[in-house]
Amino acid sequence: MPAWEAIQILLGLAIPYLLLVHIVNTRGTRILTGIDIDYTYEIANLWVDPWTRFKQIALVLLVWGHFAMGLHFWGRLHSWYHRAFPAIFLALVLVPMVALLGFAEVGMTMTAHAQADPQWMPGMKARGVPADPHRAKLRAELKEWVGPSWFGVVGLVFVIAQICNWRERHARFKVSYSDGGVIEAPIGMSVLEVSRMARRAHMSVCGGRARCTTCRVQIAGAAGELPEPGELESNALRRIGAPSNVRLACQLRPEVDLTVQPLLHPSIVAATHTEAGQEFGEEREVTILFVDIRGSTSLAEARLPYDVIFLLNALFAALAEAVVKIRRILFQFYRGRFDGPVRIGGKTGRRCERCTALCAGNVRGA
């Protein structure tokens, strides 16, 4: 599991611990005492006690950090996100900073009030203590145990999952990879989880959320029927026009032995993208220029080799000049065919029209 995924999971588990205590202090106090929890009461109780103040600040930073990480790893595949990243980053820094500065300013006002009137803070705290001793005891116990109880629930779920895995230890399947590796895993794991368990390199930009399709694999064979793609997987595969034998490793949870071929390998991508932040690429809208010479075989048979080469060079030079004019220089000549990925501003239809007009004009001029 990548480090960023582990950090996001830990943040997600830590947030309820602090949030539950906050809920008991606010909603729980209102239910048990019947008082209206106003802004003054809440800020006074959060600010005056240093430990409570620290936990509130930590809660804000954890929630905002969890949100920022999710936003970044969702948006980094889109070109608009890279263009807007400076503004987004500024907002991600300023919003919690301004919020905490406001909290500090109001808190210091509360401190000054408490110092000026020694009876004000004890009276404010007494508002949150139920008059009924049993309710007061219940509120104190809830505040003390609600946080640890959350970790107890998480631990219980983990133990139950391990027990289920132990009971189903004989229900297993095998994943065979194209390089000869064979991994055996319990039923219920996805192909991506199997690769990670075996510490095999397997691309997964979005962390197994069926967003990026970089974990896709080609199914070379299966010992039985595989589960049908779910809605998320179907939408992702349809978006890239994948054939029926291509599945997302993060969503495929087989119950039979199968052979897979990962279609994207991290080492290959890393070897071709060296700039920081570009190792996974990004989604962009492009226009592909494809030019094929009609009747190229008969053209070559009726002319001398030198004449054929001269004609092809003239044609390719004219097409390449058209591509260069629209600020794209990536193209390929292959057996009488010209391929040019062209990216021009404006709508897709206008891109095609402009590109075709430039190429046609250059070819006529040649």
Protein backbone atom coordinates (compact mmCIF):
# COMPACT_ATOMS: atom_id res chain seq x y z
CA MET A 1 0.00 0.00 0.00
CA PRO A 2 1.42 3.42 -0.96
CA ALA A 3 2.30 5.74 1.91
CA TRP A 4 -0.33 8.33 0.94
CA GLU A 5 -3.09 5.73 1.11
CA ALA A 6 -1.92 4.55 4.54
CA ILE A 7 -1.84 8.16 5.80
CA GLN A 8 -5.34 8.82 4.44
CA ILE A 9 -6.70 5.71 6.18
CA LEU A 10 -5.04 6.67 9.47
CA LEU A 11 -6.50 10.17 9.23
CA GLY A 12 -9.91 8.70 8.51
CA LEU A 13 -9.70 6.53 11.62
CA ALA A 14 -8.38 9.33 13.85
CA ILE A 15 -11.07 11.85 12.90
CA PRO A 16 -14.04 10.00 14.52
CA TYR A 17 -12.09 9.69 17.78
CA LEU A 18 -11.89 13.47 18.18
CA LEU A 19 -15.24 14.16 16.54
CA LEU A 20 -17.19 11.87 18.89
CA VAL A 21 -15.81 13.70 21.93
CA HIS A 22 -16.83 16.99 20.33
CA ILE A 23 -20.36 15.66 19.67
CA VAL A 24 -20.74 14.55 23.30
CA ASN A 25 -19.67 18.00 24.48
CA THR A 26 -22.19 19.73 22.22
CA ARG A 27 -25.19 17.65 21.18
CA GLY A 28 -24.83 15.26 24.11
CA THR A 29 -24.79 18.14 26.60
CA ARG A 30 -27.88 19.67 25.01
CA ILE A 31 -29.79 16.39 25.22
CA LEU A 32 -28.81 15.70 28.83
CA THR A 33 -29.22 19.23 30.18
CA GLY A 34 -31.79 20.78 27.84
CA ILE A 35 -29.72 23.97 27.49
CA ASP A 36 -29.07 25.71 24.21
CA ILE A 37 -25.40 25.26 23.27
CA ASP A 38 -24.60 28.73 22.00
CA TYR A 39 -21.36 30.01 20.47
CA THR A 40 -20.14 31.63 23.67
CA TYR A 41 -20.52 28.45 25.72
CA GLU A 42 -18.82 26.31 23.06
CA ILE A 43 -15.82 28.57 22.48
CA ALA A 44 -15.32 29.10 26.21
CA ASN A 45 -15.16 25.37 26.87
CA LEU A 46 -12.96 24.67 23.85
CA TRP A 47 -10.43 27.43 24.48
CA VAL A 48 -9.83 27.72 28.21
CA ASP A 49 -8.68 24.14 28.79
CA PRO A 50 -5.32 23.68 26.92
CA TRP A 51 -5.87 19.97 26.22
CA THR A 52 -9.39 20.54 24.84
CA ARG A 53 -8.04 23.42 22.77
CA PHE A 54 -5.31 21.21 21.31
CA LYS A 55 -7.79 18.46 20.42
CA GLN A 56 -10.08 20.92 18.66
CA ILE A 57 -7.22 22.34 16.61
CA ALA A 58 -6.05 18.81 15.79
CA LEU A 59 -9.58 17.88 14.69
CA VAL A 60 -9.76 20.84 12.30
CA LEU A 61 -6.33 20.05 10.82
CA LEU A 62 -7.06 16.32 10.48
CA VAL A 63 -10.40 16.85 8.76
CA TRP A 64 -8.98 19.49 6.42
CA GLY A 65 -5.87 17.43 5.68
CA HIS A 66 -8.01 14.38 4.88
CA PHE A 67 -10.11 16.50 2.53
CA ALA A 68 -7.05 18.06 0.86
CA MET A 69 -5.44 14.68 0.21
CA GLY A 70 -8.62 13.27 -1.28
CA LEU A 71 -9.05 16.33 -3.49
CA HIS A 72 -5.45 16.17 -4.71
CA PHE A 73 -5.41 12.49 -5.58
CA TRP A 74 -8.75 12.83 -7.31
CA GLY A 75 -7.88 15.93 -9.30
CA ARG A 76 -4.27 15.23 -10.28
CA LEU A 77 -5.39 13.22 -13.34
CA HIS A 78 -7.17 16.21 -14.87
CA SER A 79 -5.41 18.96 -16.80
CA TRP A 80 -7.59 21.72 -15.32
CA TYR A 81 -6.39 20.76 -11.84
CA HIS A 82 -2.75 21.35 -12.78
CA ARG A 83 -3.62 24.77 -14.18
CA ALA A 84 -5.66 25.71 -11.11
CA PHE A 85 -3.35 24.10 -8.56
CA PRO A 86 -1.67 27.35 -7.36
CA ALA A 87 -5.07 28.86 -6.51
CA ILE A 88 -6.31 25.59 -5.00
CA PHE A 89 -3.16 25.23 -2.91
CA LEU A 90 -3.51 28.79 -1.68
CA ALA A 91 -7.11 28.11 -0.64
CA LEU A 92 -6.15 24.86 1.07
CA VAL A 93 -3.62 26.76 3.18
CA LEU A 94 -5.59 29.94 3.85
CA VAL A 95 -8.98 28.46 4.80
CA PRO A 96 -7.81 26.49 7.89
CA MET A 97 -5.35 29.25 8.79
CA VAL A 98 -8.07 31.92 8.81
CA ALA A 99 -10.43 29.62 10.70
CA LEU A 100 -7.87 28.90 13.42
CA LEU A 101 -6.87 32.57 13.66
CA GLY A 102 -10.52 33.45 14.21
CA PHE A 103 -10.77 30.73 16.84
CA ALA A 104 -7.67 32.10 18.58
CA GLU A 105 -8.93 35.68 18.51
CA VAL A 106 -12.29 34.77 20.04
CA GLY A 107 -10.55 32.51 22.53
CA MET A 108 -8.26 35.28 23.72
CA THR A 109 -11.33 37.50 24.15
CA MET A 110 -12.83 34.76 26.33
CA THR A 111 -9.61 34.56 28.35
CA ALA A 112 -9.65 38.31 28.95
CA HIS A 113 -13.28 38.09 30.04
CA ALA A 114 -12.47 35.25 32.44
CA GLN A 115 -9.58 37.19 33.94
CA ALA A 116 -11.71 40.28 34.40
CA ASP A 117 -14.58 38.33 35.98
CA PRO A 118 -13.35 35.28 37.94
CA GLN A 119 -16.93 34.03 38.42
CA TRP A 120 -17.78 34.05 34.72
CA MET A 121 -15.94 30.89 33.63
CA PRO A 122 -17.12 28.64 36.53
CA GLY A 123 -20.67 29.78 35.83
CA MET A 124 -20.27 29.06 32.11
CA LYS A 125 -18.96 25.54 32.78
CA ALA A 126 -21.71 24.87 35.30
CA ARG A 127 -24.29 25.41 32.52
CA GLY A 128 -23.14 22.20 30.87
CA VAL A 129 -23.44 20.02 33.99
CA PRO A 130 -26.87 18.35 34.31
CA ALA A 131 -28.70 19.03 37.57
CA ASP A 132 -29.61 15.35 37.82
CA PRO A 133 -26.59 13.51 39.36
CA HIS A 134 -27.24 10.41 37.22
CA ARG A 135 -27.21 12.45 34.02
CA ALA A 136 -24.12 14.31 35.18
CA LYS A 137 -22.39 10.97 35.77
CA LEU A 138 -23.52 9.67 32.37
CA ARG A 139 -22.16 12.77 30.63
CA ALA A 140 -18.80 12.45 32.37
CA GLU A 141 -18.54 8.75 31.48
CA LEU A 142 -19.48 9.43 27.86
CA LYS A 143 -16.78 12.09 27.58
CA GLU A 144 -14.22 9.69 29.05
CA TRP A 145 -15.08 6.54 27.11
CA VAL A 146 -16.55 7.59 23.75
CA GLY A 147 -13.09 8.10 22.21
CA PRO A 148 -11.54 4.81 23.36
CA SER A 149 -14.79 3.05 22.44
CA TRP A 150 -14.25 4.09 18.82
CA PHE A 151 -10.85 2.38 18.72
CA GLY A 152 -12.47 -0.62 20.39
CA VAL A 153 -15.02 -0.83 17.58
CA VAL A 154 -12.27 -0.55 14.95
CA GLY A 155 -10.29 -3.27 16.70
CA LEU A 156 -13.37 -5.50 16.94
CA VAL A 157 -14.05 -5.13 13.21
CA PHE A 158 -10.42 -6.00 12.47
CA VAL A 159 -10.57 -9.10 14.69
CA ILE A 160 -13.84 -10.25 13.11
CA ALA A 161 -12.32 -9.83 9.65
CA GLN A 162 -9.31 -11.91 10.65
CA ILE A 163 -11.54 -14.63 12.07
CA CYS A 164 -13.55 -14.71 8.84
CA ASN A 165 -10.33 -14.96 6.85
CA TRP A 166 -9.16 -17.84 9.04
CA ARG A 167 -12.45 -19.70 8.62
CA GLU A 168 -12.30 -19.24 4.85
CA ARG A 169 -8.60 -20.03 4.60
CA HIS A 170 -9.26 -23.08 2.41
CA ALA A 171 -11.40 -21.10 -0.07
CA ARG A 172 -8.64 -19.64 -2.19
CA PHE A 173 -7.82 -18.79 -5.77
CA LYS A 174 -4.62 -18.34 -7.75
CA VAL A 175 -3.52 -15.39 -9.84
CA SER A 176 -0.96 -16.25 -12.51
CA TYR A 177 0.97 -13.38 -14.04
CA SER A 178 2.43 -13.21 -17.52
CA ASP A 179 6.00 -13.31 -16.17
CA GLY A 180 5.40 -16.70 -14.59
CA GLY A 181 4.59 -15.57 -11.04
CA VAL A 182 1.73 -17.34 -9.28
CA ILE A 183 0.12 -15.93 -6.13
CA GLU A 184 -2.46 -17.74 -4.01
CA ALA A 185 -4.92 -15.62 -2.05
CA PRO A 186 -8.17 -16.03 -0.09
CA ILE A 187 -11.42 -15.42 -1.91
CA GLY A 188 -12.62 -11.87 -1.38
CA MET A 189 -9.42 -10.08 -2.31
CA SER A 190 -9.16 -8.05 -5.49
CA VAL A 191 -6.43 -8.69 -8.03
CA LEU A 192 -4.81 -5.39 -7.05
CA GLU A 193 -4.80 -6.42 -3.39
CA VAL A 194 -3.21 -9.72 -4.37
CA SER A 195 -0.44 -7.88 -6.22
CA ARG A 196 0.18 -5.62 -3.24
CA MET A 197 0.16 -8.56 -0.84
CA ALA A 198 2.88 -10.19 -2.94
CA ARG A 199 4.74 -6.83 -3.21
CA ARG A 200 4.44 -6.89 -6.97
CA ALA A 201 4.64 -3.59 -8.83
CA HIS A 202 1.12 -2.77 -9.98
CA MET A 203 0.06 0.67 -11.18
CA SER A 204 -2.84 2.25 -9.29
CA VAL A 205 -2.90 6.04 -9.41
CA CYS A 206 -6.30 6.51 -7.74
CA GLY A 207 -5.64 3.95 -5.00
CA GLY A 208 -8.14 1.34 -6.18
CA ARG A 209 -11.23 3.53 -6.54
CA ALA A 210 -12.05 2.76 -10.20
CA ARG A 211 -11.26 6.32 -11.32
CA CYS A 212 -8.00 6.19 -13.27
CA THR A 213 -8.05 2.71 -14.95
CA THR A 214 -4.26 2.47 -14.59
CA CYS A 215 -4.56 -0.85 -12.75
CA ARG A 216 -6.30 -2.54 -15.68
CA VAL A 217 -5.30 -6.06 -16.61
CA GLN A 218 -5.92 -8.29 -19.58
CA ILE A 219 -7.54 -11.61 -18.70
CA ALA A 220 -5.51 -14.27 -20.51
CA GLY A 221 -7.51 -17.15 -19.06
CA ALA A 222 -9.82 -18.15 -16.24
CA ALA A 223 -10.85 -21.49 -14.74
CA GLY A 224 -14.49 -20.42 -14.59
CA GLU A 225 -16.85 -17.46 -14.71
CA LEU A 226 -15.61 -14.14 -13.38
CA PRO A 227 -17.89 -11.66 -11.59
CA GLU A 228 -19.56 -9.16 -13.88
CA PRO A 229 -18.18 -5.60 -13.72
CA GLY A 230 -20.01 -3.32 -11.32
CA GLU A 231 -21.30 0.12 -12.23
CA LEU A 232 -18.07 1.95 -11.35
CA GLU A 233 -15.91 -0.50 -13.27
CA SER A 234 -18.25 -0.58 -16.27
CA ASN A 235 -18.25 3.20 -16.54
CA ALA A 236 -14.46 3.38 -16.28
CA LEU A 237 -13.90 0.65 -18.89
CA ARG A 238 -16.47 2.17 -21.23
CA ARG A 239 -14.70 5.53 -20.97
CA ILE A 240 -11.46 4.08 -22.36
CA GLY A 241 -13.16 1.74 -24.84
CA ALA A 242 -11.68 -1.38 -23.24
CA PRO A 243 -12.40 -4.79 -24.79
CA SER A 244 -14.32 -7.45 -22.88
CA ASN A 245 -11.16 -9.25 -21.71
CA VAL A 246 -9.82 -6.16 -19.91
CA ARG A 247 -10.80 -5.60 -16.27
CA LEU A 248 -9.83 -3.25 -13.47
CA ALA A 249 -7.64 -5.09 -10.98
CA CYS A 250 -8.96 -2.97 -8.11
CA GLN A 251 -12.57 -4.07 -8.75
CA LEU A 252 -12.15 -7.65 -9.92
CA ARG A 253 -12.60 -10.10 -7.01
CA PRO A 254 -12.39 -13.54 -8.61
CA GLU A 255 -13.40 -16.84 -7.07
CA VAL A 256 -11.59 -18.99 -9.63
CA ASP A 257 -7.99 -19.26 -10.79
CA LEU A 258 -7.07 -16.82 -13.53
CA THR A 259 -4.14 -15.53 -15.57
CA VAL A 260 -3.65 -11.79 -15.97
CA GLN A 261 -1.36 -9.41 -17.82
CA PRO A 262 -1.04 -5.94 -16.25
CA LEU A 263 -1.25 -3.43 -19.08
CA LEU A 264 0.61 -0.57 -17.36
CA HIS A 265 3.79 -1.08 -15.35
CA PRO A 266 5.15 1.58 -12.96
CA SER A 267 8.75 1.09 -14.07
CA ILE A 268 7.87 1.76 -17.71
CA VAL A 269 5.96 4.93 -16.90
CA ALA A 270 8.64 6.17 -14.51
CA ALA A 271 11.31 5.60 -17.16
CA THR A 272 9.53 7.86 -19.66
CA HIS A 273 8.43 10.66 -17.31
CA THR A 274 11.16 12.21 -15.23
CA GLU A 275 9.60 15.51 -14.26
CA ALA A 276 8.27 15.75 -10.71
CA GLY A 277 4.55 15.20 -10.55
CA GLN A 278 4.34 13.82 -14.11
CA GLU A 279 5.05 10.16 -13.38
CA PHE A 280 1.43 9.16 -13.90
CA GLY A 281 0.46 11.53 -16.71
CA GLU A 282 -2.87 13.28 -16.88
CA GLU A 283 -6.12 13.21 -18.85
CA ARG A 284 -6.21 15.56 -21.84
CA GLU A 285 -8.46 16.07 -24.82
CA VAL A 286 -6.56 15.63 -28.07
CA THR A 287 -7.20 15.50 -31.80
CA ILE A 288 -5.45 12.68 -33.67
CA LEU A 289 -4.42 13.37 -37.26
CA PHE A 290 -4.30 10.17 -39.31
CA VAL A 291 -3.30 10.31 -42.98
CA ASP A 292 -3.05 7.21 -45.16
CA ILE A 293 -1.92 7.14 -48.80
CA ARG A 294 -4.71 5.63 -50.81
CA GLY A 295 -3.44 3.03 -53.29
CA SER A 296 0.12 3.22 -51.97
CA THR A 297 0.94 -0.31 -53.20
CA SER A 298 -0.01 0.39 -56.83
CA LEU A 299 1.74 3.76 -56.57
CA ALA A 300 4.98 2.10 -55.53
CA GLU A 301 4.75 -0.68 -58.14
CA ALA A 302 4.41 1.77 -61.02
CA ARG A 303 7.45 3.90 -60.12
CA LEU A 304 11.12 3.56 -59.47
CA PRO A 305 12.20 3.34 -55.80
CA TYR A 306 13.85 6.75 -55.94
CA ASP A 307 10.63 8.35 -57.24
CA VAL A 308 8.56 6.64 -54.53
CA ILE A 309 10.89 7.87 -51.80
CA PHE A 310 10.85 11.38 -53.27
CA LEU A 311 7.04 11.46 -53.31
CA LEU A 312 6.76 10.13 -49.76
CA ASN A 313 9.32 12.59 -48.44
CA ALA A 314 7.52 15.49 -50.11
CA LEU A 315 4.18 14.38 -48.68
CA PHE A 316 5.54 13.82 -45.18
CA ALA A 317 7.35 17.14 -45.22
CA ALA A 318 4.14 18.95 -46.17
CA LEU A 319 2.14 17.19 -43.44
CA ALA A 320 4.83 17.71 -40.84
CA GLU A 321 4.96 21.43 -41.67
CA ALA A 322 1.21 21.67 -41.06
CA VAL A 323 1.57 20.02 -37.66
CA VAL A 324 4.47 22.28 -36.71
CA LYS A 325 2.39 25.34 -37.61
CA ILE A 326 -0.11 24.43 -34.93
CA ARG A 327 2.68 24.02 -32.37
CA ARG A 328 2.80 20.24 -32.24
CA ILE A 329 5.88 18.34 -33.36
CA LEU A 330 5.12 14.77 -32.28
CA PHE A 331 4.41 12.61 -35.30
CA GLN A 332 5.29 9.23 -36.80
CA PHE A 333 5.84 7.85 -40.29
CA TYR A 334 5.11 4.16 -40.67
CA ARG A 335 4.79 2.23 -43.96
CA GLY A 336 3.27 5.06 -45.93
CA ARG A 337 1.16 6.27 -42.99
CA PHE A 338 1.41 9.52 -41.04
CA ASP A 339 0.21 9.76 -37.43
CA GLY A 340 0.21 13.11 -35.65
CA PRO A 341 -1.27 13.71 -32.20
CA VAL A 342 -2.48 17.28 -32.55
CA ARG A 343 -3.69 19.47 -29.65
CA ILE A 344 -5.24 22.77 -30.66
CA GLY A 345 -7.29 25.27 -28.69
CA GLY A 346 -11.03 25.38 -29.26
CA LYS A 347 -13.72 22.77 -29.80
CA THR A 348 -12.91 19.34 -31.19
CA GLY A 349 -14.75 20.00 -34.47
CA ARG A 350 -12.81 23.22 -35.07
CA ARG A 351 -9.56 21.41 -34.31
CA CYS A 352 -10.26 18.80 -36.97
CA GLU A 353 -11.29 21.41 -39.53
CA ARG A 354 -8.23 23.56 -38.94
CA CYS A 355 -5.83 20.62 -39.00
CA THR A 356 -7.35 19.16 -42.17
CA ALA A 357 -7.31 22.53 -43.93
CA LEU A 358 -3.66 23.12 -43.09
CA CYS A 359 -2.62 19.65 -44.27
CA ALA A 360 -4.65 19.88 -47.47
CA GLY A 361 -3.20 23.28 -48.29
CA ASN A 362 0.35 22.11 -47.73
CA VAL A 363 -0.15 18.95 -49.79
CA ARG A 364 -1.60 20.93 -52.72
CA GLY A 365 1.33 23.32 -52.48
CA ALA A 366 3.80 20.46 -52.57
